[in-house]
Amino acid sequence: MRLDKYLANMGFGSRKEVKKLIKNKRVAVNEKIETVDKYQVNEQEDHVTLDGEEIIYQKYFYYMLNKPAGVITATIDDFEPTVLDSFF
């Protein structure tokens, strides 16, 4: 996976924004500063850091919610609160 996509997938900004982080020498792969946004990262073996903080790649995020009474399970509703409203 490309380094810029790795960082964007982990929520550190858009691809354009993370390219700036890489260009500004704030990202390291296996303790070596990386300035090439197209650098190929192995998400299971490589250690990626941003400003010295390790970024552990997670492909999926799972959320669990104990649905309150009166909240509907639809994702969008114009009249009633939905379970997604609980997250935001």
C-alpha atoms as a PDB file:
ATOM      1  CA  MET A   1       0.000   0.000   0.000  1.00  0.00           C
ATOM      2  CA  ARG A   2       1.263   3.500  -0.763  1.00  0.00           C
ATOM      3  CA  LEU A   3       2.421   5.525   2.234  1.00  0.00           C
ATOM      4  CA  ASP A   4       0.042   8.411   1.505  1.00  0.00           C
ATOM      5  CA  LYS A   5      -2.927   6.027   1.292  1.00  0.00           C
ATOM      6  CA  TYR A   6      -1.854   4.331   4.538  1.00  0.00           C
ATOM      7  CA  LEU A   7      -1.896   7.660   6.399  1.00  0.00           C
ATOM      8  CA  ALA A   8      -5.121   8.864   4.766  1.00  0.00           C
ATOM      9  CA  ASN A   9      -6.880   5.587   5.627  1.00  0.00           C
ATOM     10  CA  MET A  10      -5.854   6.033   9.247  1.00  0.00           C
ATOM     11  CA  GLY A  11      -7.512   9.471   9.372  1.00  0.00           C
ATOM     12  CA  PHE A  12      -4.511  11.798   9.252  1.00  0.00           C
ATOM     13  CA  GLY A  13      -6.013  13.875   6.454  1.00  0.00           C
ATOM     14  CA  SER A  14      -6.772  13.694   2.769  1.00  0.00           C
ATOM     15  CA  ARG A  15      -4.186  12.249   0.394  1.00  0.00           C
ATOM     16  CA  LYS A  16      -3.128  15.812  -0.459  1.00  0.00           C
ATOM     17  CA  GLU A  17      -2.753  16.725   3.231  1.00  0.00           C
ATOM     18  CA  VAL A  18      -0.723  13.636   4.116  1.00  0.00           C
ATOM     19  CA  LYS A  19       1.560  14.217   1.127  1.00  0.00           C
ATOM     20  CA  LYS A  20       2.506  17.513   2.801  1.00  0.00           C
ATOM     21  CA  LEU A  21       3.268  15.663   6.058  1.00  0.00           C
ATOM     22  CA  ILE A  22       5.529  13.287   4.147  1.00  0.00           C
ATOM     23  CA  LYS A  23       7.225  16.076   2.189  1.00  0.00           C
ATOM     24  CA  ASN A  24       7.846  18.002   5.446  1.00  0.00           C
ATOM     25  CA  LYS A  25       9.795  14.988   6.797  1.00  0.00           C
ATOM     26  CA  ARG A  26       7.342  14.229   9.599  1.00  0.00           C
ATOM     27  CA  VAL A  27       6.825  10.575   8.625  1.00  0.00           C
ATOM     28  CA  ALA A  28       9.240   7.697   9.174  1.00  0.00           C
ATOM     29  CA  VAL A  29       9.057   4.085   8.043  1.00  0.00           C
ATOM     30  CA  ASN A  30      11.129   1.634  10.088  1.00  0.00           C
ATOM     31  CA  GLU A  31      12.881   4.545  11.838  1.00  0.00           C
ATOM     32  CA  LYS A  32      13.970   6.151   8.540  1.00  0.00           C
ATOM     33  CA  ILE A  33      12.454   9.464   7.404  1.00  0.00           C
ATOM     34  CA  GLU A  34      10.513   8.882   4.205  1.00  0.00           C
ATOM     35  CA  THR A  35       9.868  11.731   1.750  1.00  0.00           C
ATOM     36  CA  VAL A  36       8.342   9.749  -1.131  1.00  0.00           C
ATOM     37  CA  ASP A  37       4.547   9.562  -0.897  1.00  0.00           C
ATOM     38  CA  LYS A  38       4.439   6.600  -3.304  1.00  0.00           C
ATOM     39  CA  TYR A  39       6.680   4.515  -1.035  1.00  0.00           C
ATOM     40  CA  GLN A  40       5.193   1.017  -0.661  1.00  0.00           C
ATOM     41  CA  VAL A  41       4.393   0.105   2.949  1.00  0.00           C
ATOM     42  CA  ASN A  42       3.654  -3.395   4.214  1.00  0.00           C
ATOM     43  CA  GLU A  43       0.957  -2.665   6.791  1.00  0.00           C
ATOM     44  CA  GLN A  44       1.737  -5.849   8.757  1.00  0.00           C
ATOM     45  CA  GLU A  45       5.535  -5.606   8.872  1.00  0.00           C
ATOM     46  CA  ASP A  46       6.586  -1.955   8.559  1.00  0.00           C
ATOM     47  CA  HIS A  47       6.571   0.464  11.492  1.00  0.00           C
ATOM     48  CA  VAL A  48       5.197   3.864  10.466  1.00  0.00           C
ATOM     49  CA  THR A  49       5.536   6.894  12.735  1.00  0.00           C
ATOM     50  CA  LEU A  50       4.260  10.455  12.494  1.00  0.00           C
ATOM     51  CA  ASP A  51       6.158  12.973  14.612  1.00  0.00           C
ATOM     52  CA  GLY A  52       7.643  10.047  16.544  1.00  0.00           C
ATOM     53  CA  GLU A  53       4.274   8.445  17.401  1.00  0.00           C
ATOM     54  CA  GLU A  54       3.708   4.954  15.984  1.00  0.00           C
ATOM     55  CA  ILE A  55       0.695   4.502  13.728  1.00  0.00           C
ATOM     56  CA  ILE A  56      -0.735   0.993  13.887  1.00  0.00           C
ATOM     57  CA  TYR A  57      -2.762   0.213  10.791  1.00  0.00           C
ATOM     58  CA  GLN A  58      -6.321  -0.981  11.355  1.00  0.00           C
ATOM     59  CA  LYS A  59      -8.236  -2.046   8.285  1.00  0.00           C
ATOM     60  CA  TYR A  60     -11.633  -1.863   9.951  1.00  0.00           C
ATOM     61  CA  PHE A  61     -13.106  -0.060  12.926  1.00  0.00           C
ATOM     62  CA  TYR A  62     -15.973  -1.670  14.820  1.00  0.00           C
ATOM     63  CA  TYR A  63     -18.390   0.239  17.010  1.00  0.00           C
ATOM     64  CA  MET A  64     -20.781  -1.182  19.561  1.00  0.00           C
ATOM     65  CA  LEU A  65     -23.740   0.750  20.893  1.00  0.00           C
ATOM     66  CA  ASN A  66     -26.341  -0.083  23.492  1.00  0.00           C
ATOM     67  CA  LYS A  67     -29.291   1.492  21.673  1.00  0.00           C
ATOM     68  CA  PRO A  68     -31.238   3.843  23.926  1.00  0.00           C
ATOM     69  CA  ALA A  69     -35.030   3.564  24.053  1.00  0.00           C
ATOM     70  CA  GLY A  70     -36.741   5.880  21.593  1.00  0.00           C
ATOM     71  CA  VAL A  71     -33.878   5.818  19.088  1.00  0.00           C
ATOM     72  CA  ILE A  72     -34.523   4.141  15.757  1.00  0.00           C
ATOM     73  CA  THR A  73     -32.021   1.898  13.953  1.00  0.00           C
ATOM     74  CA  ALA A  74     -32.331   3.612  10.563  1.00  0.00           C
ATOM     75  CA  THR A  75     -29.337   5.630   9.433  1.00  0.00           C
ATOM     76  CA  ILE A  76     -31.357   8.664   8.313  1.00  0.00           C
ATOM     77  CA  ASP A  77     -34.730   9.930   9.524  1.00  0.00           C
ATOM     78  CA  ASP A  78     -36.241  13.402   9.350  1.00  0.00           C
ATOM     79  CA  PHE A  79     -38.430  12.984  12.425  1.00  0.00           C
ATOM     80  CA  GLU A  80     -36.780  10.665  14.977  1.00  0.00           C
ATOM     81  CA  PRO A  81     -33.223  10.428  16.367  1.00  0.00           C
ATOM     82  CA  THR A  82     -31.214   7.585  14.808  1.00  0.00           C
ATOM     83  CA  VAL A  83     -28.413   5.379  16.119  1.00  0.00           C
ATOM     84  CA  LEU A  84     -25.921   7.321  13.987  1.00  0.00           C
ATOM     85  CA  ASP A  85     -26.913  10.532  15.779  1.00  0.00           C
ATOM     86  CA  SER A  86     -25.512   8.934  18.948  1.00  0.00           C
ATOM     87  CA  PHE A  87     -22.018   8.875  17.418  1.00  0.00           C
ATOM     88  CA  PHE A  88     -21.943  12.522  16.355  1.00  0.00           C
END
